[in-house]
PDB file of N, CA and C in Angstrom:
ATOM      1  N   MET A   1      81.463 -64.321   7.637  1.00  0.00           N
ATOM      2  CA  MET A   1      80.761 -63.336   8.622  1.00  0.00           C
ATOM      3  C   MET A   1      80.863 -62.238   7.901  1.00  0.00           C
ATOM      4  N   ASN A   2      79.743 -60.923   8.549  1.00  0.00           N
ATOM      5  CA  ASN A   2      79.897 -59.783   7.728  1.00  0.00           C
ATOM      6  C   ASN A   2      80.798 -59.028   8.831  1.00  0.00           C
ATOM      7  N   PRO A   3      81.190 -57.782   8.314  1.00  0.00           N
ATOM      8  CA  PRO A   3      81.504 -56.679   9.282  1.00  0.00           C
ATOM      9  C   PRO A   3      80.866 -56.800  10.745  1.00  0.00           C
ATOM     10  N   THR A   4      79.679 -56.544  10.960  1.00  0.00           N
ATOM     11  CA  THR A   4      78.926 -56.480  12.136  1.00  0.00           C
ATOM     12  C   THR A   4      79.387 -57.257  12.623  1.00  0.00           C
ATOM     13  N   GLU A   5      78.948 -58.619  12.430  1.00  0.00           N
ATOM     14  CA  GLU A   5      79.077 -59.728  12.965  1.00  0.00           C
ATOM     15  C   GLU A   5      80.511 -59.852  13.442  1.00  0.00           C
ATOM     16  N   GLN A   6      81.536 -60.009  13.021  1.00  0.00           N
ATOM     17  CA  GLN A   6      83.280 -59.598  13.385  1.00  0.00           C
ATOM     18  C   GLN A   6      83.124 -58.490  14.339  1.00  0.00           C
ATOM     19  N   ASP A   7      83.292 -57.326  14.193  1.00  0.00           N
ATOM     20  CA  ASP A   7      83.076 -56.453  15.225  1.00  0.00           C
ATOM     21  C   ASP A   7      82.651 -56.855  16.484  1.00  0.00           C
ATOM     22  N   LEU A   8      81.447 -57.658  16.395  1.00  0.00           N
ATOM     23  CA  LEU A   8      81.035 -57.995  17.705  1.00  0.00           C
ATOM     24  C   LEU A   8      81.827 -59.303  18.252  1.00  0.00           C
ATOM     25  N   VAL A   9      82.177 -60.461  17.376  1.00  0.00           N
ATOM     26  CA  VAL A   9      83.318 -60.988  17.856  1.00  0.00           C
ATOM     27  C   VAL A   9      84.391 -60.628  18.567  1.00  0.00           C
ATOM     28  N   GLU A  10      84.835 -59.183  18.164  1.00  0.00           N
ATOM     29  CA  GLU A  10      86.013 -58.783  18.405  1.00  0.00           C
ATOM     30  C   GLU A  10      85.915 -57.662  19.966  1.00  0.00           C
ATOM     31  N   VAL A  11      84.566 -57.237  19.963  1.00  0.00           N
ATOM     32  CA  VAL A  11      84.434 -56.938  21.315  1.00  0.00           C
ATOM     33  C   VAL A  11      84.440 -58.083  22.925  1.00  0.00           C
ATOM     34  N   TYR A  12      83.551 -58.978  22.260  1.00  0.00           N
ATOM     35  CA  TYR A  12      83.806 -60.032  23.056  1.00  0.00           C
ATOM     36  C   TYR A  12      84.764 -60.836  23.627  1.00  0.00           C
ATOM     37  N   ARG A  13      85.628 -60.508  22.821  1.00  0.00           N
ATOM     38  CA  ARG A  13      86.913 -61.145  23.042  1.00  0.00           C
ATOM     39  C   ARG A  13      87.903 -60.576  23.884  1.00  0.00           C
ATOM     40  N   ARG A  14      87.360 -59.429  23.559  1.00  0.00           N
ATOM     41  CA  ARG A  14      88.323 -58.167  24.744  1.00  0.00           C
ATOM     42  C   ARG A  14      87.948 -57.899  26.061  1.00  0.00           C
ATOM     43  N   LEU A  15      85.756 -58.695  26.430  1.00  0.00           N
ATOM     44  CA  LEU A  15      85.809 -58.678  27.770  1.00  0.00           C
ATOM     45  C   LEU A  15      86.265 -59.624  28.447  1.00  0.00           C
ATOM     46  N   ALA A  16      86.691 -59.313  30.013  1.00  0.00           N
ATOM     47  CA  ALA A  16      86.641 -60.631  30.669  1.00  0.00           C
ATOM     48  C   ALA A  16      85.710 -61.143  30.659  1.00  0.00           C
ATOM     49  N   PRO A  17      85.721 -62.757  30.943  1.00  0.00           N
ATOM     50  CA  PRO A  17      84.652 -63.784  31.259  1.00  0.00           C
ATOM     51  C   PRO A  17      83.285 -63.379  31.934  1.00  0.00           C
ATOM     52  N   ALA A  18      83.295 -62.345  32.912  1.00  0.00           N
ATOM     53  CA  ALA A  18      81.852 -62.072  33.960  1.00  0.00           C
ATOM     54  C   ALA A  18      81.065 -61.161  33.078  1.00  0.00           C
ATOM     55  N   GLU A  19      81.993 -59.791  32.261  1.00  0.00           N
ATOM     56  CA  GLU A  19      81.154 -59.397  30.817  1.00  0.00           C
ATOM     57  C   GLU A  19      81.279 -60.009  29.335  1.00  0.00           C
ATOM     58  N   GLN A  20      81.574 -60.996  29.279  1.00  0.00           N
ATOM     59  CA  GLN A  20      81.531 -61.627  28.188  1.00  0.00           C
ATOM     60  C   GLN A  20      79.839 -62.859  28.515  1.00  0.00           C
ATOM     61  N   ALA A  21      79.644 -62.673  29.745  1.00  0.00           N
ATOM     62  CA  ALA A  21      78.447 -63.908  30.429  1.00  0.00           C
ATOM     63  C   ALA A  21      77.831 -62.745  29.942  1.00  0.00           C
ATOM     64  N   THR A  22      78.172 -61.787  30.773  1.00  0.00           N
ATOM     65  CA  THR A  22      77.033 -60.373  30.622  1.00  0.00           C
ATOM     66  C   THR A  22      76.622 -60.411  29.160  1.00  0.00           C
ATOM     67  N   LEU A  23      77.342 -60.107  28.363  1.00  0.00           N
ATOM     68  CA  LEU A  23      77.008 -60.039  26.596  1.00  0.00           C
ATOM     69  C   LEU A  23      75.960 -60.557  26.493  1.00  0.00           C
ATOM     70  N   LEU A  24      76.509 -62.355  26.467  1.00  0.00           N
ATOM     71  CA  LEU A  24      75.577 -63.229  26.120  1.00  0.00           C
ATOM     72  C   LEU A  24      74.631 -63.450  26.471  1.00  0.00           C
ATOM     73  N   ALA A  25      74.679 -63.121  28.127  1.00  0.00           N
ATOM     74  CA  ALA A  25      73.000 -63.541  28.171  1.00  0.00           C
ATOM     75  C   ALA A  25      72.088 -62.178  27.949  1.00  0.00           C
ATOM     76  N   PHE A  26      72.816 -60.854  27.603  1.00  0.00           N
ATOM     77  CA  PHE A  26      71.890 -59.809  26.741  1.00  0.00           C
ATOM     78  C   PHE A  26      71.495 -60.249  24.952  1.00  0.00           C
ATOM     79  N   ALA A  27      72.777 -60.905  24.511  1.00  0.00           N
ATOM     80  CA  ALA A  27      71.886 -60.660  23.196  1.00  0.00           C
ATOM     81  C   ALA A  27      71.271 -62.077  23.484  1.00  0.00           C
ATOM     82  N   ARG A  28      70.954 -62.826  24.330  1.00  0.00           N
ATOM     83  CA  ARG A  28      69.845 -64.057  24.180  1.00  0.00           C
ATOM     84  C   ARG A  28      68.569 -63.520  24.473  1.00  0.00           C
ATOM     85  N   PHE A  29      68.791 -62.551  25.714  1.00  0.00           N
ATOM     86  CA  PHE A  29      67.739 -61.987  25.656  1.00  0.00           C
ATOM     87  C   PHE A  29      66.910 -61.444  24.586  1.00  0.00           C
ATOM     88  N   LEU A  30      67.880 -60.184  23.927  1.00  0.00           N
ATOM     89  CA  LEU A  30      66.755 -59.632  22.863  1.00  0.00           C
ATOM     90  C   LEU A  30      66.720 -60.335  21.372  1.00  0.00           C
ATOM     91  N   ALA A  31      67.303 -62.145  21.760  1.00  0.00           N
ATOM     92  CA  ALA A  31      66.740 -63.151  20.633  1.00  0.00           C
ATOM     93  C   ALA A  31      65.809 -63.316  21.072  1.00  0.00           C
ATOM     94  N   GLN A  32      65.465 -63.899  21.845  1.00  0.00           N
ATOM     95  CA  GLN A  32      64.346 -63.838  22.500  1.00  0.00           C
ATOM     96  C   GLN A  32      62.961 -62.896  22.495  1.00  0.00           C
ATOM     97  N   GLN A  33      63.069 -61.260  22.974  1.00  0.00           N
ATOM     98  CA  GLN A  33      61.970 -60.289  22.705  1.00  0.00           C
ATOM     99  C   GLN A  33      62.158 -60.473  21.015  1.00  0.00           C
ATOM    100  N   ALA A  34      62.651 -60.476  19.742  1.00  0.00           N
ATOM    101  CA  ALA A  34      62.723 -60.291  18.716  1.00  0.00           C
ATOM    102  C   ALA A  34      61.897 -61.962  18.157  1.00  0.00           C
ATOM    103  N   GLY A  35      62.006 -62.724  19.054  1.00  0.00           N
ATOM    104  CA  GLY A  35      60.906 -64.278  18.515  1.00  0.00           C
ATOM    105  C   GLY A  35      61.735 -64.669  17.924  1.00  0.00           C
ATOM    106  N   ALA A  36      63.533 -64.519  18.187  1.00  0.00           N
ATOM    107  CA  ALA A  36      64.217 -65.709  17.847  1.00  0.00           C
ATOM    108  C   ALA A  36      64.059 -66.872  18.405  1.00  0.00           C
ATOM    109  N   PRO A  37      64.473 -68.108  17.568  1.00  0.00           N
ATOM    110  CA  PRO A  37      64.254 -69.405  19.065  1.00  0.00           C
ATOM    111  C   PRO A  37      65.205 -69.579  19.826  1.00  0.00           C
ATOM    112  N   SER A  38      64.647 -69.282  20.860  1.00  0.00           N
ATOM    113  CA  SER A  38      65.750 -69.190  22.260  1.00  0.00           C
ATOM    114  C   SER A  38      66.610 -70.762  22.671  1.00  0.00           C
ATOM    115  N   GLU A  39      66.977 -70.362  23.036  1.00  0.00           N
ATOM    116  CA  GLU A  39      68.365 -71.804  23.807  1.00  0.00           C
ATOM    117  C   GLU A  39      68.246 -72.580  23.515  1.00  0.00           C
ATOM    118  N   PRO A  40      68.453 -73.800  23.609  1.00  0.00           N
ATOM    119  CA  PRO A  40      68.298 -74.917  23.613  1.00  0.00           C
ATOM    120  C   PRO A  40      67.486 -75.800  24.994  1.00  0.00           C
ATOM    121  N   ALA A  41      67.139 -76.462  25.027  1.00  0.00           N
ATOM    122  CA  ALA A  41      66.468 -77.197  26.226  1.00  0.00           C
ATOM    123  C   ALA A  41      67.290 -78.147  26.830  1.00  0.00           C
ATOM    124  N   ALA A  42      68.627 -78.673  26.384  1.00  0.00           N
ATOM    125  CA  ALA A  42      69.430 -79.148  27.289  1.00  0.00           C
ATOM    126  C   ALA A  42      69.885 -78.061  28.016  1.00  0.00           C
ATOM    127  N   ALA A  43      70.512 -78.967  29.430  1.00  0.00           N
ATOM    128  CA  ALA A  43      71.157 -77.821  30.859  1.00  0.00           C
ATOM    129  C   ALA A  43      72.480 -76.989  30.542  1.00  0.00           C
ATOM    130  N   GLN A  44      73.374 -75.683  29.801  1.00  0.00           N
ATOM    131  CA  GLN A  44      74.259 -75.515  29.892  1.00  0.00           C
ATOM    132  C   GLN A  44      75.656 -75.515  31.204  1.00  0.00           C
ATOM    133  N   GLU A  45      76.725 -76.269  30.545  1.00  0.00           N
ATOM    134  CA  GLU A  45      77.448 -76.646  31.722  1.00  0.00           C
ATOM    135  C   GLU A  45      78.201 -75.089  32.160  1.00  0.00           C
ATOM    136  N   PRO A  46      78.281 -75.585  33.381  1.00  0.00           N
ATOM    137  CA  PRO A  46      79.335 -74.031  34.483  1.00  0.00           C
ATOM    138  C   PRO A  46      80.524 -74.475  33.300  1.00  0.00           C
ATOM    139  N   LEU A  47      81.554 -72.590  33.168  1.00  0.00           N
ATOM    140  CA  LEU A  47      82.617 -72.747  33.235  1.00  0.00           C
ATOM    141  C   LEU A  47      83.656 -73.240  33.904  1.00  0.00           C
ATOM    142  N   VAL A  48      84.855 -73.442  33.748  1.00  0.00           N
ATOM    143  CA  VAL A  48      85.680 -73.871  34.427  1.00  0.00           C
ATOM    144  C   VAL A  48      86.931 -72.126  34.492  1.00  0.00           C
ATOM    145  N   ILE A  49      86.510 -71.803  36.108  1.00  0.00           N
ATOM    146  CA  ILE A  49      86.940 -70.584  36.369  1.00  0.00           C
ATOM    147  C   ILE A  49      87.798 -71.087  37.782  1.00  0.00           C
ATOM    148  N   ALA A  50      88.481 -71.177  37.290  1.00  0.00           N
ATOM    149  CA  ALA A  50      89.801 -71.867  39.075  1.00  0.00           C
ATOM    150  C   ALA A  50      89.777 -70.571  39.613  1.00  0.00           C
ATOM    151  N   ARG A  51      89.586 -70.388  41.323  1.00  0.00           N
ATOM    152  CA  ARG A  51      89.701 -69.863  42.119  1.00  0.00           C
ATOM    153  C   ARG A  51      90.625 -69.275  42.648  1.00  0.00           C
ATOM    154  N   PRO A  52      90.892 -67.698  42.661  1.00  0.00           N
ATOM    155  CA  PRO A  52      92.447 -67.524  42.973  1.00  0.00           C
ATOM    156  C   PRO A  52      92.765 -67.199  44.197  1.00  0.00           C
ATOM    157  N   PRO A  53      94.141 -67.381  44.548  1.00  0.00           N
ATOM    158  CA  PRO A  53      94.598 -67.692  46.370  1.00  0.00           C
ATOM    159  C   PRO A  53      93.691 -66.933  46.478  1.00  0.00           C
ATOM    160  N   GLN A  54      94.196 -65.620  45.976  1.00  0.00           N
ATOM    161  CA  GLN A  54      93.794 -64.083  47.303  1.00  0.00           C
ATOM    162  C   GLN A  54      92.694 -63.632  46.883  1.00  0.00           C
ATOM    163  N   GLU A  55      91.350 -64.387  46.357  1.00  0.00           N
ATOM    164  CA  GLU A  55      89.951 -63.829  46.359  1.00  0.00           C
ATOM    165  C   GLU A  55      89.314 -62.759  47.022  1.00  0.00           C
ATOM    166  N   THR A  56      88.937 -61.651  46.514  1.00  0.00           N
ATOM    167  CA  THR A  56      88.118 -60.860  47.940  1.00  0.00           C
ATOM    168  C   THR A  56      86.339 -61.797  47.300  1.00  0.00           C
ATOM    169  N   VAL A  57      85.405 -61.464  48.111  1.00  0.00           N
ATOM    170  CA  VAL A  57      84.163 -61.738  47.917  1.00  0.00           C
ATOM    171  C   VAL A  57      83.697 -60.769  47.252  1.00  0.00           C
ATOM    172  N   VAL A  58      83.470 -60.001  46.620  1.00  0.00           N
ATOM    173  CA  VAL A  58      83.267 -59.500  45.599  1.00  0.00           C
ATOM    174  C   VAL A  58      84.087 -60.120  44.013  1.00  0.00           C
ATOM    175  N   GLY A  59      85.243 -60.076  44.421  1.00  0.00           N
ATOM    176  CA  GLY A  59      85.484 -61.031  42.583  1.00  0.00           C
ATOM    177  C   GLY A  59      85.045 -62.686  42.772  1.00  0.00           C
ATOM    178  N   ALA A  60      85.040 -63.253  44.453  1.00  0.00           N
ATOM    179  CA  ALA A  60      84.328 -64.368  43.983  1.00  0.00           C
ATOM    180  C   ALA A  60      82.797 -64.314  43.603  1.00  0.00           C
ATOM    181  N   LEU A  61      82.298 -63.254  43.940  1.00  0.00           N
ATOM    182  CA  LEU A  61      80.577 -62.954  42.988  1.00  0.00           C
ATOM    183  C   LEU A  61      81.380 -63.271  41.402  1.00  0.00           C
ATOM    184  N   LYS A  62      81.576 -61.996  41.356  1.00  0.00           N
ATOM    185  CA  LYS A  62      81.970 -61.783  39.449  1.00  0.00           C
ATOM    186  C   LYS A  62      82.342 -63.548  38.883  1.00  0.00           C
ATOM    187  N   ARG A  63      83.425 -63.927  39.852  1.00  0.00           N
ATOM    188  CA  ARG A  63      83.880 -65.380  38.955  1.00  0.00           C
ATOM    189  C   ARG A  63      82.855 -66.208  39.066  1.00  0.00           C
ATOM    190  N   LEU A  64      82.132 -66.096  39.818  1.00  0.00           N
ATOM    191  CA  LEU A  64      80.563 -67.173  39.948  1.00  0.00           C
ATOM    192  C   LEU A  64      80.010 -67.436  38.795  1.00  0.00           C
ATOM    193  N   THR A  65      79.545 -65.581  38.641  1.00  0.00           N
ATOM    194  CA  THR A  65      78.332 -65.234  37.930  1.00  0.00           C
ATOM    195  C   THR A  65      79.229 -65.680  36.515  1.00  0.00           C
ATOM    196  N   ALA A  66      80.770 -65.121  36.120  1.00  0.00           N
ATOM    197  CA  ALA A  66      81.323 -66.117  34.986  1.00  0.00           C
ATOM    198  C   ALA A  66      80.883 -67.446  34.546  1.00  0.00           C
ATOM    199  N   THR A  67      81.276 -68.316  36.075  1.00  0.00           N
ATOM    200  CA  THR A  67      81.090 -69.683  35.855  1.00  0.00           C
ATOM    201  C   THR A  67      80.021 -70.232  35.451  1.00  0.00           C
ATOM    202  N   TYR A  68      78.480 -69.045  35.909  1.00  0.00           N
ATOM    203  CA  TYR A  68      76.933 -70.023  35.995  1.00  0.00           C
ATOM    204  C   TYR A  68      76.246 -68.910  35.010  1.00  0.00           C
ATOM    205  N   PRO A  69      76.981 -68.423  33.877  1.00  0.00           N
ATOM    206  CA  PRO A  69      76.260 -67.904  33.366  1.00  0.00           C
ATOM    207  C   PRO A  69      74.736 -68.078  33.354  1.00  0.00           C
ATOM    208  N   MET A  70      73.979 -69.116  32.938  1.00  0.00           N
ATOM    209  CA  MET A  70      73.277 -69.825  32.620  1.00  0.00           C
ATOM    210  C   MET A  70      71.918 -69.594  33.929  1.00  0.00           C
ATOM    211  N   LEU A  71      72.529 -69.139  35.120  1.00  0.00           N
ATOM    212  CA  LEU A  71      71.929 -69.233  35.941  1.00  0.00           C
ATOM    213  C   LEU A  71      71.102 -67.446  36.388  1.00  0.00           C
ATOM    214  N   ASP A  72      70.005 -67.610  36.517  1.00  0.00           N
ATOM    215  CA  ASP A  72      69.166 -66.118  36.676  1.00  0.00           C
ATOM    216  C   ASP A  72      69.683 -65.221  38.472  1.00  0.00           C
ATOM    217  N   LYS A  73      70.633 -64.421  38.127  1.00  0.00           N
ATOM    218  CA  LYS A  73      71.217 -63.772  39.052  1.00  0.00           C
ATOM    219  C   LYS A  73      70.082 -62.953  39.575  1.00  0.00           C
ATOM    220  N   ALA A  74      69.163 -62.615  39.449  1.00  0.00           N
ATOM    221  CA  ALA A  74      67.964 -61.764  40.586  1.00  0.00           C
ATOM    222  C   ALA A  74      67.649 -62.956  41.486  1.00  0.00           C
ATOM    223  N   LYS A  75      67.605 -64.435  41.008  1.00  0.00           N
ATOM    224  CA  LYS A  75      66.521 -64.796  42.102  1.00  0.00           C
ATOM    225  C   LYS A  75      68.123 -65.425  43.441  1.00  0.00           C
ATOM    226  N   LEU A  76      68.934 -64.709  42.473  1.00  0.00           N
ATOM    227  CA  LEU A  76      69.977 -65.690  43.829  1.00  0.00           C
ATOM    228  C   LEU A  76      70.395 -64.431  44.640  1.00  0.00           C
ATOM    229  N   LEU A  77      69.783 -63.160  44.120  1.00  0.00           N
ATOM    230  CA  LEU A  77      71.030 -61.764  45.737  1.00  0.00           C
ATOM    231  C   LEU A  77      70.206 -61.724  46.308  1.00  0.00           C
ATOM    232  N   ASN A  78      68.882 -62.474  46.977  1.00  0.00           N
ATOM    233  CA  ASN A  78      68.838 -61.941  48.134  1.00  0.00           C
ATOM    234  C   ASN A  78      69.993 -62.618  49.515  1.00  0.00           C
ATOM    235  N   GLU A  79      70.268 -64.204  48.658  1.00  0.00           N
ATOM    236  CA  GLU A  79      70.551 -64.925  49.444  1.00  0.00           C
ATOM    237  C   GLU A  79      72.342 -64.080  49.679  1.00  0.00           C
ATOM    238  N   THR A  80      72.665 -64.272  48.123  1.00  0.00           N
ATOM    239  CA  THR A  80      74.003 -63.464  47.859  1.00  0.00           C
ATOM    240  C   THR A  80      74.524 -62.403  48.768  1.00  0.00           C
ATOM    241  N   SER A  81      73.232 -61.306  48.495  1.00  0.00           N
ATOM    242  CA  SER A  81      73.628 -60.401  49.350  1.00  0.00           C
ATOM    243  C   SER A  81      74.090 -59.680  50.755  1.00  0.00           C
ATOM    244  N   GLY A  82      72.867 -61.106  51.182  1.00  0.00           N
ATOM    245  CA  GLY A  82      73.135 -61.446  52.592  1.00  0.00           C
ATOM    246  C   GLY A  82      74.551 -61.777  53.472  1.00  0.00           C
ATOM    247  N   LEU A  83      75.321 -62.571  52.396  1.00  0.00           N
ATOM    248  CA  LEU A  83      75.911 -63.129  52.416  1.00  0.00           C
ATOM    249  C   LEU A  83      77.287 -62.441  52.089  1.00  0.00           C
ATOM    250  N   VAL A  84      77.241 -61.572  51.189  1.00  0.00           N
ATOM    251  CA  VAL A  84      78.366 -60.312  51.888  1.00  0.00           C
ATOM    252  C   VAL A  84      78.201 -59.198  52.635  1.00  0.00           C
ATOM    253  N   ALA A  85      76.805 -58.666  53.331  1.00  0.00           N
ATOM    254  CA  ALA A  85      76.669 -58.154  54.193  1.00  0.00           C
ATOM    255  C   ALA A  85      77.228 -58.291  55.431  1.00  0.00           C
ATOM    256  N   GLN A  86      76.927 -59.896  55.688  1.00  0.00           N
ATOM    257  CA  GLN A  86      78.003 -60.227  56.853  1.00  0.00           C
ATOM    258  C   GLN A  86      79.412 -60.351  56.795  1.00  0.00           C
ATOM    259  N   HIS A  87      80.033 -60.648  55.969  1.00  0.00           N
ATOM    260  CA  HIS A  87      81.225 -60.007  55.421  1.00  0.00           C
ATOM    261  C   HIS A  87      81.652 -58.896  55.884  1.00  0.00           C
ATOM    262  N   VAL A  88      80.755 -57.674  55.001  1.00  0.00           N
ATOM    263  CA  VAL A  88      80.991 -56.406  55.210  1.00  0.00           C
ATOM    264  C   VAL A  88      80.803 -55.850  56.508  1.00  0.00           C
ATOM    265  N   MET A  89      79.368 -56.289  56.971  1.00  0.00           N
ATOM    266  CA  MET A  89      79.363 -55.419  58.456  1.00  0.00           C
ATOM    267  C   MET A  89      79.887 -56.411  59.004  1.00  0.00           C
ATOM    268  N   GLN A  90      79.426 -57.561  59.525  1.00  0.00           N
ATOM    269  CA  GLN A  90      79.502 -57.918  60.848  1.00  0.00           C
ATOM    270  C   GLN A  90      81.385 -58.786  61.015  1.00  0.00           C
ATOM    271  N   GLY A  91      82.122 -58.666  59.873  1.00  0.00           N
ATOM    272  CA  GLY A  91      83.076 -59.269  59.671  1.00  0.00           C
ATOM    273  C   GLY A  91      83.324 -60.628  59.588  1.00  0.00           C
ATOM    274  N   ARG A  92      82.510 -61.087  59.346  1.00  0.00           N
ATOM    275  CA  ARG A  92      82.542 -62.816  59.403  1.00  0.00           C
ATOM    276  C   ARG A  92      83.274 -63.389  58.022  1.00  0.00           C
ATOM    277  N   ASN A  93      84.606 -64.373  58.757  1.00  0.00           N
ATOM    278  CA  ASN A  93      85.629 -64.672  57.629  1.00  0.00           C
ATOM    279  C   ASN A  93      85.555 -64.888  56.392  1.00  0.00           C
ATOM    280  N   LEU A  94      85.966 -64.036  55.430  1.00  0.00           N
ATOM    281  CA  LEU A  94      86.182 -63.984  54.063  1.00  0.00           C
ATOM    282  C   LEU A  94      86.133 -65.633  53.411  1.00  0.00           C
ATOM    283  N   VAL A  95      86.886 -66.241  53.633  1.00  0.00           N
ATOM    284  CA  VAL A  95      87.105 -68.015  52.980  1.00  0.00           C
ATOM    285  C   VAL A  95      85.586 -68.483  53.591  1.00  0.00           C
ATOM    286  N   GLU A  96      85.256 -68.455  54.655  1.00  0.00           N
ATOM    287  CA  GLU A  96      83.858 -68.773  54.854  1.00  0.00           C
ATOM    288  C   GLU A  96      82.726 -68.673  53.981  1.00  0.00           C
ATOM    289  N   VAL A  97      82.903 -67.458  53.719  1.00  0.00           N
ATOM    290  CA  VAL A  97      81.634 -66.629  53.079  1.00  0.00           C
ATOM    291  C   VAL A  97      81.635 -66.992  51.562  1.00  0.00           C
ATOM    292  N   ILE A  98      83.542 -66.871  51.206  1.00  0.00           N
ATOM    293  CA  ILE A  98      83.144 -67.728  49.702  1.00  0.00           C
ATOM    294  C   ILE A  98      82.494 -68.712  49.744  1.00  0.00           C
ATOM    295  N   ASN A  99      83.346 -69.919  50.365  1.00  0.00           N
ATOM    296  CA  ASN A  99      82.794 -70.791  50.398  1.00  0.00           C
ATOM    297  C   ASN A  99      80.989 -71.061  50.381  1.00  0.00           C
ATOM    298  N   GLU A 100      80.403 -70.250  51.410  1.00  0.00           N
ATOM    299  CA  GLU A 100      79.091 -70.372  51.228  1.00  0.00           C
ATOM    300  C   GLU A 100      78.531 -69.274  49.633  1.00  0.00           C
ATOM    301  N   LEU A 101      79.237 -68.828  49.485  1.00  0.00           N
ATOM    302  CA  LEU A 101      78.210 -68.555  48.313  1.00  0.00           C
ATOM    303  C   LEU A 101      78.825 -69.288  46.622  1.00  0.00           C
ATOM    304  N   GLU A 102      79.697 -70.018  46.625  1.00  0.00           N
ATOM    305  CA  GLU A 102      80.022 -71.488  45.836  1.00  0.00           C
ATOM    306  C   GLU A 102      78.809 -72.779  45.997  1.00  0.00           C
ATOM    307  N   ALA A 103      78.708 -72.544  47.798  1.00  0.00           N
ATOM    308  CA  ALA A 103      77.893 -73.522  47.812  1.00  0.00           C
ATOM    309  C   ALA A 103      76.060 -72.881  47.289  1.00  0.00           C
ATOM    310  N   VAL A 104      75.746 -71.589  47.536  1.00  0.00           N
ATOM    311  CA  VAL A 104      74.774 -71.232  46.783  1.00  0.00           C
ATOM    312  C   VAL A 104      74.149 -71.402  45.423  1.00  0.00           C
ATOM    313  N   PHE A 105      75.721 -71.346  44.319  1.00  0.00           N
ATOM    314  CA  PHE A 105      75.648 -71.570  43.120  1.00  0.00           C
ATOM    315  C   PHE A 105      75.312 -72.539  42.788  1.00  0.00           C
ATOM    316  N   SER A 106      76.411 -73.637  43.473  1.00  0.00           N
ATOM    317  CA  SER A 106      76.367 -74.988  43.022  1.00  0.00           C
ATOM    318  C   SER A 106      74.728 -75.770  43.132  1.00  0.00           C
ATOM    319  N   LYS A 107      74.318 -74.908  44.382  1.00  0.00           N
ATOM    320  CA  LYS A 107      72.886 -75.378  44.867  1.00  0.00           C
ATOM    321  C   LYS A 107      72.096 -74.683  43.724  1.00  0.00           C
ATOM    322  N   ALA A 108      72.069 -73.964  43.095  1.00  0.00           N
ATOM    323  CA  ALA A 108      70.972 -73.298  42.136  1.00  0.00           C
ATOM    324  C   ALA A 108      71.358 -73.706  40.327  1.00  0.00           C
ATOM    325  N   TYR A 109      72.775 -74.124  40.651  1.00  0.00           N
ATOM    326  CA  TYR A 109      72.827 -74.914  39.442  1.00  0.00           C
ATOM    327  C   TYR A 109      72.147 -75.764  39.526  1.00  0.00           C
ATOM    328  N   ALA A 110      72.582 -76.946  40.219  1.00  0.00           N
ATOM    329  CA  ALA A 110      71.749 -78.247  40.857  1.00  0.00           C
ATOM    330  C   ALA A 110      70.357 -78.563  40.171  1.00  0.00           C
ATOM    331  N   HIS A 111      69.953 -77.264  40.647  1.00  0.00           N
ATOM    332  CA  HIS A 111      68.409 -77.129  40.723  1.00  0.00           C
ATOM    333  C   HIS A 111      68.007 -76.234  39.028  1.00  0.00           C
ATOM    334  N   TYR A 112      68.539 -75.514  38.545  1.00  0.00           N
ATOM    335  CA  TYR A 112      68.578 -75.728  37.089  1.00  0.00           C
ATOM    336  C   TYR A 112      68.846 -76.676  36.515  1.00  0.00           C
ATOM    337  N   ARG A 113      69.621 -78.017  36.481  1.00  0.00           N
ATOM    338  CA  ARG A 113      70.009 -79.401  35.964  1.00  0.00           C
ATOM    339  C   ARG A 113      68.672 -79.904  36.233  1.00  0.00           C
ATOM    340  N   THR A 114      68.184 -79.843  37.240  1.00  0.00           N
ATOM    341  CA  THR A 114      66.480 -80.732  37.488  1.00  0.00           C
ATOM    342  C   THR A 114      66.135 -80.145  36.613  1.00  0.00           C
ATOM    343  N   THR A 115      65.251 -78.803  36.899  1.00  0.00           N
ATOM    344  CA  THR A 115      64.940 -78.039  36.022  1.00  0.00           C
ATOM    345  C   THR A 115      64.522 -78.643  34.455  1.00  0.00           C
ATOM    346  N   ARG A 116      65.626 -78.293  33.779  1.00  0.00           N
ATOM    347  CA  ARG A 116      66.152 -78.851  32.545  1.00  0.00           C
ATOM    348  C   ARG A 116      65.882 -80.027  32.365  1.00  0.00           C
ATOM    349  N   GLU A 117      66.267 -80.464  33.142  1.00  0.00           N
ATOM    350  CA  GLU A 117      65.639 -82.733  32.803  1.00  0.00           C
ATOM    351  C   GLU A 117      64.664 -83.045  32.380  1.00  0.00           C
ATOM    352  N   SER A 118      63.826 -82.313  33.883  1.00  0.00           N
ATOM    353  CA  SER A 118      62.315 -82.884  33.584  1.00  0.00           C
ATOM    354  C   SER A 118      61.861 -82.413  32.651  1.00  0.00           C
ATOM    355  N   SER A 119      62.075 -80.927  31.622  1.00  0.00           N
ATOM    356  CA  SER A 119      60.904 -80.764  31.653  1.00  0.00           C
ATOM    357  C   SER A 119      61.137 -81.386  29.703  1.00  0.00           C
TER     358      SER A 119
END
């Protein structure tokens, strides 16, 4: 590895899982813009990140974003922001909202897998 690659690996290792996923997504975006071969056609597997016992809604979003780095977060924004608003503005139960956020990401991942396997 050259010094630049080594530096990049060191930076990556110091980041939290959510930020690692963001860095990887950005690197793939840059590679695609530069005409480098895109990611493999096979579906990526979600990362295993346990749900902490005292999780907040924002913490759940960060965890789910890190768990499913292959999903386009912009496509999930409408549904996830609506759930966050229900919790914050309407006082909806924290656990219910987190459970629904997990269901949203899980459903999006199932769709992602289906589209990858059919192509």
